[in-house]
N, C-alpha and C. Protein backbone atom coordinates (compact mmCIF):
# COMPACT_ATOMS: atom_id res chain seq x y z
N MET A 1 2.94 -3.70 -23.77
CA MET A 1 2.34 -3.74 -22.44
C MET A 1 2.56 -5.12 -21.84
N LYS A 2 3.05 -5.14 -20.60
CA LYS A 2 3.21 -6.42 -19.91
C LYS A 2 1.89 -6.81 -19.27
N THR A 3 1.46 -8.01 -19.51
CA THR A 3 0.28 -8.53 -18.83
C THR A 3 0.71 -9.68 -17.94
N HIS A 4 -0.11 -10.00 -16.97
CA HIS A 4 0.26 -11.06 -16.05
C HIS A 4 -0.23 -12.41 -16.56
N ILE A 5 0.37 -13.46 -16.06
CA ILE A 5 -0.04 -14.82 -16.40
C ILE A 5 -0.82 -15.40 -15.23
N LEU A 6 -0.43 -15.08 -14.01
CA LEU A 6 -1.10 -15.59 -12.82
C LEU A 6 -2.24 -14.65 -12.41
N PRO A 7 -3.19 -15.14 -11.62
CA PRO A 7 -4.27 -14.28 -11.16
C PRO A 7 -3.75 -13.18 -10.26
N LEU A 8 -4.56 -12.15 -10.09
CA LEU A 8 -4.20 -11.04 -9.22
C LEU A 8 -4.10 -11.50 -7.77
N ARG A 9 -3.30 -10.79 -6.98
CA ARG A 9 -3.16 -11.07 -5.55
C ARG A 9 -3.47 -9.80 -4.78
N ALA A 10 -3.94 -9.96 -3.55
CA ALA A 10 -4.21 -8.80 -2.70
C ALA A 10 -2.90 -8.06 -2.47
N GLY A 11 -2.95 -6.74 -2.57
CA GLY A 11 -1.76 -5.92 -2.39
C GLY A 11 -1.09 -5.52 -3.68
N ASP A 12 -1.46 -6.14 -4.81
CA ASP A 12 -0.89 -5.75 -6.10
C ASP A 12 -1.33 -4.33 -6.46
N ILE A 13 -0.46 -3.63 -7.18
CA ILE A 13 -0.80 -2.33 -7.76
C ILE A 13 -0.96 -2.56 -9.25
N ILE A 14 -2.14 -2.19 -9.78
CA ILE A 14 -2.42 -2.41 -11.20
C ILE A 14 -2.73 -1.08 -11.86
N LYS A 15 -2.67 -1.06 -13.17
CA LYS A 15 -3.07 0.12 -13.93
C LYS A 15 -4.47 -0.15 -14.47
N PHE A 16 -5.46 0.60 -14.00
CA PHE A 16 -6.86 0.43 -14.38
C PHE A 16 -7.38 1.77 -14.86
N ASP A 17 -7.84 1.84 -16.09
CA ASP A 17 -8.29 3.10 -16.72
C ASP A 17 -7.20 4.17 -16.68
N GLY A 18 -5.95 3.76 -16.82
CA GLY A 18 -4.84 4.71 -16.85
C GLY A 18 -4.38 5.20 -15.50
N GLU A 19 -4.99 4.74 -14.42
CA GLU A 19 -4.64 5.17 -13.06
C GLU A 19 -4.12 3.97 -12.26
N PRO A 20 -3.14 4.18 -11.39
CA PRO A 20 -2.71 3.08 -10.52
C PRO A 20 -3.76 2.82 -9.44
N CYS A 21 -4.10 1.55 -9.24
CA CYS A 21 -5.10 1.15 -8.25
C CYS A 21 -4.56 -0.03 -7.45
N ARG A 22 -4.95 -0.12 -6.20
CA ARG A 22 -4.51 -1.22 -5.33
C ARG A 22 -5.59 -2.30 -5.30
N VAL A 23 -5.14 -3.56 -5.38
CA VAL A 23 -6.04 -4.70 -5.24
C VAL A 23 -6.25 -4.92 -3.74
N VAL A 24 -7.49 -4.81 -3.28
CA VAL A 24 -7.81 -4.91 -1.86
C VAL A 24 -7.95 -6.36 -1.43
N ARG A 25 -8.74 -7.13 -2.16
CA ARG A 25 -8.92 -8.55 -1.83
C ARG A 25 -9.28 -9.32 -3.10
N VAL A 26 -9.05 -10.62 -3.03
CA VAL A 26 -9.30 -11.49 -4.18
C VAL A 26 -9.98 -12.76 -3.67
N ASN A 27 -11.03 -13.21 -4.38
CA ASN A 27 -11.62 -14.50 -4.06
C ASN A 27 -11.62 -15.35 -5.33
N GLU A 28 -12.37 -16.44 -5.36
CA GLU A 28 -12.32 -17.37 -6.48
C GLU A 28 -12.77 -16.75 -7.80
N SER A 29 -13.65 -15.76 -7.75
CA SER A 29 -14.21 -15.24 -8.99
C SER A 29 -13.93 -13.78 -9.27
N ALA A 30 -13.54 -13.00 -8.29
CA ALA A 30 -13.39 -11.56 -8.52
C ALA A 30 -12.26 -10.97 -7.67
N ALA A 31 -11.82 -9.80 -8.10
CA ALA A 31 -10.85 -9.02 -7.34
C ALA A 31 -11.47 -7.66 -7.07
N VAL A 32 -11.30 -7.15 -5.87
CA VAL A 32 -11.82 -5.84 -5.49
C VAL A 32 -10.65 -4.86 -5.54
N ILE A 33 -10.84 -3.77 -6.29
CA ILE A 33 -9.79 -2.76 -6.39
C ILE A 33 -10.28 -1.45 -5.84
N ALA A 34 -9.36 -0.66 -5.29
CA ALA A 34 -9.67 0.67 -4.74
C ALA A 34 -9.22 1.71 -5.75
N ILE A 35 -10.17 2.50 -6.24
CA ILE A 35 -9.89 3.55 -7.22
C ILE A 35 -9.89 4.89 -6.50
N ARG A 36 -8.75 5.58 -6.55
CA ARG A 36 -8.60 6.85 -5.86
C ARG A 36 -9.51 7.91 -6.47
N GLN A 37 -10.17 8.68 -5.62
CA GLN A 37 -11.05 9.75 -6.05
C GLN A 37 -10.27 11.07 -6.10
N PRO A 38 -10.68 12.01 -6.97
CA PRO A 38 -9.98 13.30 -7.02
C PRO A 38 -10.26 14.12 -5.77
N LEU A 39 -9.35 15.04 -5.47
CA LEU A 39 -9.54 15.94 -4.33
C LEU A 39 -10.82 16.76 -4.54
N ARG A 40 -11.48 17.07 -3.44
CA ARG A 40 -12.72 17.83 -3.49
C ARG A 40 -12.56 19.07 -2.61
N THR A 41 -12.95 20.22 -3.14
CA THR A 41 -12.87 21.47 -2.37
C THR A 41 -14.27 21.87 -1.95
N ILE A 42 -14.43 22.10 -0.65
CA ILE A 42 -15.71 22.52 -0.09
C ILE A 42 -15.57 23.96 0.37
N LYS A 43 -16.54 24.79 0.02
CA LYS A 43 -16.50 26.20 0.40
C LYS A 43 -17.59 26.47 1.43
N PRO A 44 -17.23 26.42 2.73
CA PRO A 44 -18.21 26.74 3.77
C PRO A 44 -18.64 28.20 3.66
N ARG A 45 -19.76 28.50 4.23
CA ARG A 45 -20.32 29.84 4.11
C ARG A 45 -19.47 30.90 4.78
N PHE A 46 -19.01 30.66 6.00
CA PHE A 46 -18.27 31.67 6.75
C PHE A 46 -16.86 31.23 7.13
N ALA A 47 -16.25 30.37 6.36
CA ALA A 47 -14.90 29.88 6.65
C ALA A 47 -14.12 29.76 5.35
N PRO A 48 -12.82 29.63 5.45
CA PRO A 48 -12.04 29.46 4.21
C PRO A 48 -12.32 28.11 3.57
N PRO A 49 -12.05 27.99 2.27
CA PRO A 49 -12.28 26.71 1.58
C PRO A 49 -11.44 25.59 2.19
N VAL A 50 -12.01 24.39 2.18
CA VAL A 50 -11.36 23.20 2.73
C VAL A 50 -11.26 22.16 1.63
N THR A 51 -10.07 21.56 1.49
CA THR A 51 -9.86 20.51 0.50
C THR A 51 -9.78 19.17 1.22
N ILE A 52 -10.56 18.19 0.73
CA ILE A 52 -10.57 16.87 1.35
C ILE A 52 -10.26 15.80 0.31
N GLN A 53 -9.77 14.68 0.79
CA GLN A 53 -9.53 13.51 -0.07
C GLN A 53 -10.62 12.49 0.24
N PRO A 54 -11.59 12.28 -0.66
CA PRO A 54 -12.64 11.29 -0.41
C PRO A 54 -12.08 9.87 -0.33
N ALA A 55 -12.82 9.01 0.33
CA ALA A 55 -12.44 7.60 0.42
C ALA A 55 -12.42 6.99 -0.98
N PRO A 56 -11.57 6.00 -1.21
CA PRO A 56 -11.51 5.39 -2.54
C PRO A 56 -12.81 4.65 -2.89
N LYS A 57 -13.09 4.63 -4.17
CA LYS A 57 -14.26 3.92 -4.69
C LYS A 57 -13.84 2.48 -4.95
N LEU A 58 -14.67 1.52 -4.59
CA LEU A 58 -14.36 0.11 -4.80
C LEU A 58 -15.01 -0.38 -6.09
N ALA A 59 -14.27 -1.21 -6.83
CA ALA A 59 -14.78 -1.79 -8.07
C ALA A 59 -14.40 -3.27 -8.08
N TRP A 60 -15.23 -4.07 -8.73
CA TRP A 60 -14.99 -5.51 -8.83
C TRP A 60 -14.61 -5.82 -10.27
N ILE A 61 -13.50 -6.54 -10.43
CA ILE A 61 -13.06 -6.99 -11.75
C ILE A 61 -12.75 -8.48 -11.66
N SER A 62 -12.57 -9.11 -12.80
CA SER A 62 -12.21 -10.52 -12.82
C SER A 62 -10.80 -10.70 -12.25
N ARG A 63 -10.59 -11.76 -11.49
CA ARG A 63 -9.25 -12.00 -10.94
C ARG A 63 -8.28 -12.39 -12.03
N ASN A 64 -8.78 -12.74 -13.21
CA ASN A 64 -7.93 -13.09 -14.34
C ASN A 64 -7.93 -11.99 -15.40
N ALA A 65 -8.31 -10.77 -15.03
CA ALA A 65 -8.35 -9.66 -15.97
C ALA A 65 -6.96 -9.37 -16.52
N GLU A 66 -6.89 -9.01 -17.78
CA GLU A 66 -5.61 -8.70 -18.41
C GLU A 66 -5.29 -7.23 -18.16
N VAL A 67 -4.68 -6.95 -17.04
CA VAL A 67 -4.28 -5.61 -16.67
C VAL A 67 -2.78 -5.58 -16.38
N GLU A 68 -2.20 -4.41 -16.48
CA GLU A 68 -0.77 -4.26 -16.22
C GLU A 68 -0.54 -4.22 -14.71
N ILE A 69 0.32 -5.09 -14.21
CA ILE A 69 0.67 -5.12 -12.79
C ILE A 69 1.96 -4.33 -12.62
N LEU A 70 1.91 -3.29 -11.78
CA LEU A 70 3.03 -2.36 -11.66
C LEU A 70 4.06 -2.78 -10.64
N ASN A 71 3.73 -3.62 -9.67
CA ASN A 71 4.66 -3.92 -8.60
C ASN A 71 5.22 -5.35 -8.62
N ARG A 72 5.08 -6.08 -9.69
CA ARG A 72 5.67 -7.43 -9.76
C ARG A 72 6.82 -7.44 -10.73
């Protein structure tokens, strides 16, 4: 597994819990990543089922976390 030597940067794509995630922003102590949520199917009472993509969940990790960077 390749790990990075430099801190994370905004816009990096990393592998977090086996899923690719985008680094949204980075400050002195943490990096915010967007974790994609699974598709959700809603079944209205009198209409056909509708599938939606929920907004990504945000998580905070260390900017020096040893994660695999996919786009560098």
